[in-house]
């Protein structure tokens, strides 16, 4: 096995949840493995000088065109650290997840960076159980994260 370069990063992830409990995900692939596609959460790296909430809102705007002030994100619903291979590197990623309630959303890829435009084909709305059944989640933790986001939004709406 070849030694991979290890890249550590802190990311902010956003889980937009519709009233029916489905969560918005992106469909894409590793640029070195275009035939292996998967569904993944919206988000990306926290840039220098940004708070995690600011990064989450920036990524939400860039990746799917949803505008949301950082103050409206609320508290994170989860954090975790995962490891995965991407573009020939081993990524060790510390993730903070925010759940946001949305009604109608016009998803646009107009603000995506070039690499995103080349490696993301479309978006979809998923229930955690349905995604888990497909086996097409980018990481094994994503279906449970969708269920957790839906539960958090349901509780917020009830209070």
N, C-alpha and C. Protein backbone atom coordinates (compact mmCIF):
# COMPACT_ATOMS: atom_id res chain seq x y z
N UNK A 1 0.84 -1.18 0.00
CA UNK A 1 0.00 0.00 0.00
C UNK A 1 0.88 1.24 0.00
N UNK A 2 0.53 2.21 -0.79
CA UNK A 2 1.26 3.46 -0.88
C UNK A 2 0.89 4.36 0.30
N UNK A 3 1.89 5.03 0.85
CA UNK A 3 1.61 6.00 1.91
C UNK A 3 0.91 7.21 1.30
N UNK A 4 -0.17 7.60 1.93
CA UNK A 4 -0.92 8.77 1.48
C UNK A 4 -0.50 9.99 2.28
N UNK A 5 -0.54 11.15 1.65
CA UNK A 5 -0.36 12.39 2.36
C UNK A 5 -1.57 12.58 3.26
N UNK A 6 -1.33 12.96 4.51
CA UNK A 6 -2.42 13.18 5.46
C UNK A 6 -2.73 14.68 5.49
N UNK A 7 -4.00 14.99 5.32
CA UNK A 7 -4.46 16.38 5.37
C UNK A 7 -5.51 16.49 6.46
N UNK A 8 -5.26 17.34 7.43
CA UNK A 8 -6.21 17.56 8.52
C UNK A 8 -6.98 18.84 8.25
N UNK A 9 -8.28 18.78 8.49
CA UNK A 9 -9.08 19.98 8.24
C UNK A 9 -10.27 20.04 9.19
N UNK A 10 -10.70 21.26 9.44
CA UNK A 10 -11.89 21.52 10.24
C UNK A 10 -12.96 21.99 9.27
N UNK A 11 -14.12 21.36 9.32
CA UNK A 11 -15.18 21.73 8.39
C UNK A 11 -16.46 22.09 9.12
N UNK A 12 -17.26 22.88 8.42
CA UNK A 12 -18.62 23.23 8.85
C UNK A 12 -19.57 22.60 7.84
N UNK A 13 -20.55 21.85 8.33
CA UNK A 13 -21.50 21.14 7.46
C UNK A 13 -22.91 21.64 7.78
N UNK A 14 -23.75 21.71 6.76
CA UNK A 14 -25.12 22.19 6.95
C UNK A 14 -26.10 21.16 6.38
N UNK A 15 -27.12 20.88 7.17
CA UNK A 15 -28.15 19.91 6.80
C UNK A 15 -29.50 20.64 6.69
N UNK A 16 -29.85 21.14 5.49
CA UNK A 16 -31.15 21.78 5.31
C UNK A 16 -32.26 20.72 5.36
N UNK A 17 -33.27 20.96 6.20
CA UNK A 17 -34.34 19.98 6.41
C UNK A 17 -35.67 20.59 5.98
N UNK A 18 -36.35 19.91 5.06
CA UNK A 18 -37.69 20.33 4.62
C UNK A 18 -38.72 19.93 5.67
N UNK A 19 -39.94 20.50 5.59
CA UNK A 19 -41.00 20.12 6.53
C UNK A 19 -41.33 18.62 6.51
N UNK A 20 -41.11 17.94 5.37
CA UNK A 20 -41.39 16.51 5.31
C UNK A 20 -40.27 15.65 5.90
N UNK A 21 -39.21 16.31 6.42
CA UNK A 21 -38.12 15.58 7.07
C UNK A 21 -36.98 15.16 6.16
N UNK A 22 -37.09 15.45 4.88
CA UNK A 22 -35.98 15.11 3.97
C UNK A 22 -34.89 16.17 4.08
N UNK A 23 -33.64 15.71 3.88
CA UNK A 23 -32.47 16.57 4.02
C UNK A 23 -31.77 16.71 2.67
N UNK A 24 -31.32 17.91 2.38
CA UNK A 24 -30.64 18.21 1.12
C UNK A 24 -29.21 17.69 1.13
N UNK A 25 -28.87 16.90 0.12
CA UNK A 25 -27.51 16.38 -0.06
C UNK A 25 -27.05 16.64 -1.48
N UNK A 26 -25.74 16.52 -1.67
CA UNK A 26 -25.14 16.67 -2.99
C UNK A 26 -24.64 15.32 -3.48
N UNK A 27 -24.67 15.13 -4.79
CA UNK A 27 -24.22 13.89 -5.42
C UNK A 27 -22.94 14.19 -6.19
N UNK A 28 -21.90 13.43 -5.92
CA UNK A 28 -20.64 13.69 -6.59
C UNK A 28 -19.68 12.53 -6.49
N UNK A 29 -18.38 12.84 -6.70
CA UNK A 29 -17.35 11.81 -6.76
C UNK A 29 -15.98 12.42 -6.50
N UNK A 30 -15.04 11.55 -6.16
CA UNK A 30 -13.63 11.91 -6.02
C UNK A 30 -13.09 12.14 -7.44
N UNK A 31 -12.34 13.23 -7.68
CA UNK A 31 -11.85 13.48 -9.04
C UNK A 31 -10.96 12.36 -9.58
N UNK A 32 -10.34 11.56 -8.70
CA UNK A 32 -9.51 10.45 -9.16
C UNK A 32 -10.31 9.16 -9.33
N UNK A 33 -11.59 9.17 -8.92
CA UNK A 33 -12.44 7.98 -9.01
C UNK A 33 -13.84 8.38 -9.50
N UNK A 34 -13.94 8.91 -10.71
CA UNK A 34 -15.22 9.45 -11.19
C UNK A 34 -16.33 8.41 -11.35
N UNK A 35 -15.99 7.14 -11.39
CA UNK A 35 -17.01 6.10 -11.55
C UNK A 35 -17.63 5.67 -10.24
N UNK A 36 -17.10 6.16 -9.12
CA UNK A 36 -17.64 5.82 -7.80
C UNK A 36 -18.33 7.05 -7.25
N UNK A 37 -19.65 7.08 -7.37
CA UNK A 37 -20.41 8.26 -6.92
C UNK A 37 -21.02 8.02 -5.54
N UNK A 38 -21.35 9.11 -4.88
CA UNK A 38 -21.92 9.04 -3.54
C UNK A 38 -22.66 10.33 -3.22
N UNK A 39 -23.43 10.28 -2.14
CA UNK A 39 -24.16 11.43 -1.62
C UNK A 39 -23.43 11.97 -0.40
N UNK A 40 -23.32 13.29 -0.31
CA UNK A 40 -22.59 13.89 0.81
C UNK A 40 -23.27 15.17 1.28
N UNK A 41 -22.88 15.63 2.44
CA UNK A 41 -23.48 16.81 3.06
C UNK A 41 -22.85 18.09 2.51
N UNK A 42 -23.60 19.15 2.58
CA UNK A 42 -23.15 20.47 2.17
C UNK A 42 -22.15 20.98 3.21
N UNK A 43 -21.06 21.56 2.75
CA UNK A 43 -20.11 22.13 3.69
C UNK A 43 -18.70 22.09 3.17
N UNK A 44 -17.79 22.61 3.98
CA UNK A 44 -16.40 22.64 3.58
C UNK A 44 -15.53 23.24 4.67
N UNK A 45 -14.31 23.48 4.31
CA UNK A 45 -13.31 23.93 5.26
C UNK A 45 -13.56 25.30 5.84
N UNK A 46 -13.21 25.44 7.10
CA UNK A 46 -13.27 26.72 7.79
C UNK A 46 -12.01 27.50 7.41
N UNK A 47 -12.21 28.70 6.88
CA UNK A 47 -11.08 29.52 6.45
C UNK A 47 -10.56 30.35 7.61
N UNK A 48 -9.30 30.76 7.50
CA UNK A 48 -8.69 31.58 8.55
C UNK A 48 -9.52 32.83 8.80
N UNK A 49 -9.79 33.11 10.08
CA UNK A 49 -10.55 34.28 10.46
C UNK A 49 -12.05 34.07 10.50
N UNK A 50 -12.52 32.90 10.08
CA UNK A 50 -13.95 32.59 10.09
C UNK A 50 -14.33 31.81 11.34
N UNK A 51 -15.54 32.03 11.81
CA UNK A 51 -16.09 31.14 12.82
C UNK A 51 -16.65 29.93 12.09
N UNK A 52 -16.93 28.87 12.83
CA UNK A 52 -17.53 27.69 12.20
C UNK A 52 -18.89 28.04 11.61
N UNK A 53 -19.67 28.85 12.32
CA UNK A 53 -20.99 29.25 11.82
C UNK A 53 -20.87 30.08 10.54
N UNK A 54 -19.91 30.99 10.49
CA UNK A 54 -19.70 31.80 9.28
C UNK A 54 -19.31 30.91 8.10
N UNK A 55 -18.44 29.93 8.36
CA UNK A 55 -18.04 29.01 7.29
C UNK A 55 -19.24 28.20 6.81
N UNK A 56 -20.08 27.76 7.74
CA UNK A 56 -21.27 26.99 7.36
C UNK A 56 -22.16 27.80 6.43
N UNK A 57 -22.39 29.05 6.76
CA UNK A 57 -23.25 29.91 5.92
C UNK A 57 -22.61 30.20 4.57
N UNK A 58 -21.30 30.41 4.56
CA UNK A 58 -20.60 30.64 3.29
C UNK A 58 -20.71 29.41 2.40
N UNK A 59 -20.47 28.23 2.95
CA UNK A 59 -20.55 26.99 2.18
C UNK A 59 -21.97 26.75 1.67
N UNK A 60 -22.97 27.03 2.50
CA UNK A 60 -24.36 26.87 2.10
C UNK A 60 -24.68 27.76 0.89
N UNK A 61 -24.19 28.99 0.93
CA UNK A 61 -24.39 29.94 -0.18
C UNK A 61 -23.62 29.48 -1.42
N UNK A 62 -22.35 29.11 -1.25
CA UNK A 62 -21.52 28.73 -2.40
C UNK A 62 -21.99 27.43 -3.06
N UNK A 63 -22.32 26.45 -2.25
CA UNK A 63 -22.61 25.12 -2.82
C UNK A 63 -24.02 24.96 -3.35
N UNK A 64 -25.02 25.61 -2.72
CA UNK A 64 -26.40 25.40 -3.16
C UNK A 64 -27.21 26.69 -3.29
N UNK A 65 -26.61 27.84 -3.01
CA UNK A 65 -27.29 29.11 -3.21
C UNK A 65 -28.27 29.52 -2.12
N UNK A 66 -28.21 28.90 -0.96
CA UNK A 66 -29.09 29.27 0.14
C UNK A 66 -28.41 30.34 0.98
N UNK A 67 -29.06 31.50 1.12
CA UNK A 67 -28.53 32.61 1.93
C UNK A 67 -29.11 32.51 3.33
N UNK A 68 -28.22 32.51 4.33
CA UNK A 68 -28.66 32.42 5.72
C UNK A 68 -27.64 33.13 6.60
N UNK A 69 -28.07 34.09 7.42
CA UNK A 69 -27.14 34.74 8.35
C UNK A 69 -26.65 33.74 9.41
N UNK A 70 -25.39 33.87 9.80
CA UNK A 70 -24.80 32.93 10.77
C UNK A 70 -25.59 32.87 12.07
N UNK A 71 -26.20 33.98 12.46
CA UNK A 71 -26.96 34.01 13.70
C UNK A 71 -28.21 33.15 13.67
N UNK A 72 -28.65 32.77 12.49
CA UNK A 72 -29.86 31.96 12.37
C UNK A 72 -29.59 30.46 12.33
N UNK A 73 -28.33 30.07 12.39
CA UNK A 73 -27.99 28.64 12.34
C UNK A 73 -28.42 27.89 13.60
N UNK A 74 -28.35 28.56 14.72
CA UNK A 74 -28.60 27.86 15.98
C UNK A 74 -27.38 27.07 16.41
N UNK A 75 -27.53 26.31 17.46
CA UNK A 75 -26.41 25.51 17.98
C UNK A 75 -26.16 24.31 17.06
N UNK A 76 -24.93 23.85 17.01
CA UNK A 76 -24.64 22.65 16.22
C UNK A 76 -25.45 21.46 16.74
N UNK A 77 -25.83 20.57 15.83
CA UNK A 77 -26.55 19.37 16.23
C UNK A 77 -25.62 18.19 16.47
N UNK A 78 -24.38 18.29 15.97
CA UNK A 78 -23.42 17.20 16.16
C UNK A 78 -22.02 17.65 15.75
N UNK A 79 -21.05 16.93 16.27
CA UNK A 79 -19.67 17.05 15.82
C UNK A 79 -19.10 15.65 15.75
N UNK A 80 -18.17 15.44 14.85
CA UNK A 80 -17.46 14.17 14.80
C UNK A 80 -16.16 14.36 14.03
N UNK A 81 -15.36 13.33 14.04
CA UNK A 81 -14.13 13.31 13.25
C UNK A 81 -14.15 12.05 12.42
N UNK A 82 -13.93 12.21 11.11
CA UNK A 82 -13.90 11.06 10.21
C UNK A 82 -12.59 11.05 9.44
N UNK A 83 -12.27 9.90 8.88
CA UNK A 83 -11.12 9.76 8.00
C UNK A 83 -11.61 9.15 6.70
N UNK A 84 -11.10 9.68 5.59
CA UNK A 84 -11.46 9.13 4.29
C UNK A 84 -10.39 9.52 3.29
N UNK A 85 -10.38 8.82 2.15
CA UNK A 85 -9.44 9.12 1.10
C UNK A 85 -10.13 9.98 0.04
N UNK A 86 -9.46 11.06 -0.38
CA UNK A 86 -9.99 11.92 -1.42
C UNK A 86 -8.82 12.50 -2.22
N UNK A 87 -8.91 12.39 -3.51
CA UNK A 87 -7.91 12.97 -4.42
C UNK A 87 -6.48 12.55 -4.06
N UNK A 88 -6.34 11.29 -3.65
CA UNK A 88 -5.03 10.75 -3.35
C UNK A 88 -4.47 11.10 -1.99
N UNK A 89 -5.28 11.72 -1.12
CA UNK A 89 -4.84 12.09 0.23
C UNK A 89 -5.73 11.39 1.26
N UNK A 90 -5.16 11.16 2.44
CA UNK A 90 -5.96 10.72 3.57
C UNK A 90 -6.42 11.98 4.28
N UNK A 91 -7.73 12.17 4.37
CA UNK A 91 -8.30 13.35 5.00
C UNK A 91 -8.75 12.98 6.40
N UNK A 92 -8.29 13.71 7.39
CA UNK A 92 -8.76 13.59 8.77
C UNK A 92 -9.56 14.86 9.01
N UNK A 93 -10.87 14.69 9.12
CA UNK A 93 -11.77 15.84 9.09
C UNK A 93 -12.59 15.95 10.37
N UNK A 94 -12.42 17.08 11.06
CA UNK A 94 -13.24 17.41 12.22
C UNK A 94 -14.44 18.18 11.69
N UNK A 95 -15.64 17.68 11.95
CA UNK A 95 -16.85 18.23 11.37
C UNK A 95 -17.81 18.76 12.43
N UNK A 96 -18.39 19.90 12.17
CA UNK A 96 -19.47 20.44 12.99
C UNK A 96 -20.68 20.56 12.09
N UNK A 97 -21.81 19.98 12.53
CA UNK A 97 -23.03 19.96 11.74
C UNK A 97 -24.09 20.90 12.31
N UNK A 98 -24.71 21.64 11.41
CA UNK A 98 -25.84 22.50 11.76
C UNK A 98 -27.05 22.00 10.97
N UNK A 99 -28.21 22.00 11.61
CA UNK A 99 -29.46 21.68 10.92
C UNK A 99 -30.25 22.97 10.76
N UNK A 100 -30.79 23.20 9.57
CA UNK A 100 -31.60 24.39 9.33
C UNK A 100 -32.91 23.98 8.66
N UNK A 101 -33.98 24.59 9.13
CA UNK A 101 -35.29 24.34 8.54
C UNK A 101 -35.43 25.18 7.27
N UNK A 102 -35.89 24.55 6.21
CA UNK A 102 -36.15 25.24 4.96
C UNK A 102 -37.52 24.82 4.45
N UNK A 103 -38.14 25.68 3.67
CA UNK A 103 -39.41 25.31 3.05
C UNK A 103 -39.15 25.04 1.57
N UNK A 104 -39.35 26.01 0.73
CA UNK A 104 -39.03 25.82 -0.68
C UNK A 104 -37.63 26.37 -0.93
N UNK A 105 -36.87 25.64 -1.69
CA UNK A 105 -35.49 26.03 -1.97
C UNK A 105 -35.23 25.89 -3.46
N UNK A 106 -34.69 26.95 -4.04
CA UNK A 106 -34.24 26.89 -5.43
C UNK A 106 -32.73 26.66 -5.38
N UNK A 107 -32.33 25.41 -5.50
CA UNK A 107 -30.91 25.07 -5.42
C UNK A 107 -30.21 25.54 -6.70
N UNK A 108 -29.07 26.19 -6.51
CA UNK A 108 -28.26 26.63 -7.64
C UNK A 108 -26.79 26.29 -7.37
N UNK A 109 -26.10 25.90 -8.42
CA UNK A 109 -24.67 25.61 -8.33
C UNK A 109 -23.84 26.78 -8.87
N UNK A 110 -24.47 27.93 -9.09
CA UNK A 110 -23.83 29.08 -9.74
C UNK A 110 -22.62 29.62 -8.98
N UNK A 111 -22.57 29.42 -7.66
CA UNK A 111 -21.46 29.97 -6.87
C UNK A 111 -20.40 28.94 -6.51
N UNK A 112 -20.49 27.76 -7.09
CA UNK A 112 -19.51 26.73 -6.76
C UNK A 112 -18.14 27.03 -7.35
N UNK A 113 -17.12 26.51 -6.65
CA UNK A 113 -15.75 26.62 -7.16
C UNK A 113 -15.57 25.62 -8.30
N UNK A 114 -14.52 25.80 -9.09
CA UNK A 114 -14.29 24.97 -10.27
C UNK A 114 -14.26 23.47 -9.95
N UNK A 115 -13.55 23.07 -8.89
CA UNK A 115 -13.48 21.65 -8.54
C UNK A 115 -14.87 21.10 -8.21
N UNK A 116 -15.68 21.90 -7.51
CA UNK A 116 -17.03 21.47 -7.18
C UNK A 116 -17.87 21.30 -8.45
N UNK A 117 -17.75 22.23 -9.38
CA UNK A 117 -18.48 22.14 -10.64
C UNK A 117 -18.10 20.88 -11.41
N UNK A 118 -16.85 20.45 -11.27
CA UNK A 118 -16.36 19.27 -11.98
C UNK A 118 -16.69 17.95 -11.28
N UNK A 119 -17.04 18.02 -9.98
CA UNK A 119 -17.22 16.77 -9.23
C UNK A 119 -18.57 16.64 -8.53
N UNK A 120 -19.49 17.56 -8.79
CA UNK A 120 -20.84 17.47 -8.23
C UNK A 120 -21.81 17.50 -9.40
N UNK A 121 -22.67 16.47 -9.48
CA UNK A 121 -23.58 16.39 -10.62
C UNK A 121 -24.97 16.94 -10.33
N UNK A 122 -25.47 16.72 -9.12
CA UNK A 122 -26.81 17.19 -8.81
C UNK A 122 -27.07 17.13 -7.31
N UNK A 123 -28.27 17.52 -6.92
CA UNK A 123 -28.66 17.48 -5.51
C UNK A 123 -29.88 16.58 -5.36
N UNK A 124 -30.17 16.21 -4.12
CA UNK A 124 -31.36 15.41 -3.84
C UNK A 124 -31.77 15.56 -2.39
N UNK A 125 -33.02 15.24 -2.13
CA UNK A 125 -33.59 15.32 -0.78
C UNK A 125 -33.76 13.90 -0.26
N UNK A 126 -33.20 13.62 0.91
CA UNK A 126 -33.13 12.25 1.41
C UNK A 126 -33.63 12.12 2.85
N UNK A 127 -34.28 10.98 3.11
CA UNK A 127 -34.50 10.51 4.48
C UNK A 127 -33.28 9.66 4.83
N UNK A 128 -32.86 9.71 6.08
CA UNK A 128 -31.70 8.92 6.50
C UNK A 128 -31.85 7.44 6.22
N UNK A 129 -33.02 6.87 6.49
CA UNK A 129 -33.23 5.44 6.27
C UNK A 129 -33.11 5.07 4.79
N UNK A 130 -33.67 5.92 3.92
CA UNK A 130 -33.60 5.64 2.48
C UNK A 130 -32.17 5.72 1.98
N UNK A 131 -31.42 6.71 2.44
CA UNK A 131 -30.02 6.82 2.02
C UNK A 131 -29.23 5.62 2.51
N UNK A 132 -29.46 5.23 3.75
CA UNK A 132 -28.75 4.08 4.30
C UNK A 132 -29.02 2.83 3.47
N UNK A 133 -30.26 2.65 3.03
CA UNK A 133 -30.63 1.48 2.24
C UNK A 133 -29.90 1.41 0.90
N UNK A 134 -29.53 2.57 0.34
CA UNK A 134 -28.85 2.58 -0.96
C UNK A 134 -27.38 2.19 -0.84
N UNK A 135 -26.78 2.44 0.33
CA UNK A 135 -25.35 2.22 0.48
C UNK A 135 -24.51 3.25 -0.25
N UNK A 136 -25.12 4.36 -0.65
CA UNK A 136 -24.41 5.37 -1.45
C UNK A 136 -24.03 6.62 -0.68
N UNK A 137 -24.04 6.56 0.65
CA UNK A 137 -23.58 7.70 1.44
C UNK A 137 -22.06 7.77 1.35
N UNK A 138 -21.54 8.99 1.28
CA UNK A 138 -20.09 9.17 1.20
C UNK A 138 -19.38 8.60 2.42
N UNK A 139 -20.05 8.62 3.56
CA UNK A 139 -19.48 8.08 4.79
C UNK A 139 -20.59 7.40 5.57
N UNK A 140 -20.25 6.36 6.29
CA UNK A 140 -21.23 5.56 7.02
C UNK A 140 -22.02 6.36 8.05
N UNK A 141 -21.48 7.48 8.51
CA UNK A 141 -22.15 8.28 9.54
C UNK A 141 -23.26 9.19 9.00
N UNK A 142 -23.34 9.38 7.70
CA UNK A 142 -24.27 10.37 7.14
C UNK A 142 -25.74 10.02 7.37
N UNK A 143 -26.20 8.79 7.14
CA UNK A 143 -27.63 8.52 7.37
C UNK A 143 -28.08 8.86 8.80
N UNK A 144 -27.29 8.51 9.78
CA UNK A 144 -27.65 8.84 11.17
C UNK A 144 -27.64 10.35 11.39
N UNK A 145 -26.74 11.06 10.72
CA UNK A 145 -26.68 12.51 10.84
C UNK A 145 -27.95 13.13 10.26
N UNK A 146 -28.47 12.57 9.17
CA UNK A 146 -29.72 13.06 8.59
C UNK A 146 -30.87 12.87 9.58
N UNK A 147 -30.93 11.71 10.21
CA UNK A 147 -31.98 11.45 11.20
C UNK A 147 -31.87 12.42 12.37
N UNK A 148 -30.66 12.68 12.80
CA UNK A 148 -30.43 13.60 13.92
C UNK A 148 -30.85 15.03 13.55
N UNK A 149 -30.55 15.45 12.34
CA UNK A 149 -30.93 16.79 11.89
C UNK A 149 -32.45 16.92 11.82
N UNK A 150 -33.11 15.91 11.29
CA UNK A 150 -34.57 15.93 11.19
C UNK A 150 -35.19 16.00 12.58
N UNK A 151 -34.66 15.21 13.51
CA UNK A 151 -35.17 15.24 14.90
C UNK A 151 -34.98 16.63 15.51
N UNK A 152 -33.81 17.23 15.29
CA UNK A 152 -33.53 18.56 15.86
C UNK A 152 -34.50 19.61 15.32
N UNK A 153 -34.77 19.57 14.02
CA UNK A 153 -35.68 20.54 13.41
C UNK A 153 -37.11 20.28 13.89
N UNK A 154 -37.50 19.03 14.03
CA UNK A 154 -38.84 18.71 14.53
C UNK A 154 -39.02 19.25 15.94
N UNK A 155 -38.00 19.13 16.78
CA UNK A 155 -38.07 19.67 18.14
C UNK A 155 -38.15 21.19 18.13
N UNK A 156 -37.37 21.84 17.28
CA UNK A 156 -37.39 23.31 17.19
C UNK A 156 -38.77 23.80 16.74
N UNK A 157 -39.34 23.11 15.76
CA UNK A 157 -40.67 23.52 15.24
C UNK A 157 -41.75 23.34 16.31
N UNK A 158 -41.57 22.33 17.17
CA UNK A 158 -42.59 22.04 18.20
C UNK A 158 -42.53 23.02 19.36
N UNK A 159 -41.39 23.65 19.56
CA UNK A 159 -41.27 24.55 20.72
C UNK A 159 -41.63 25.98 20.43
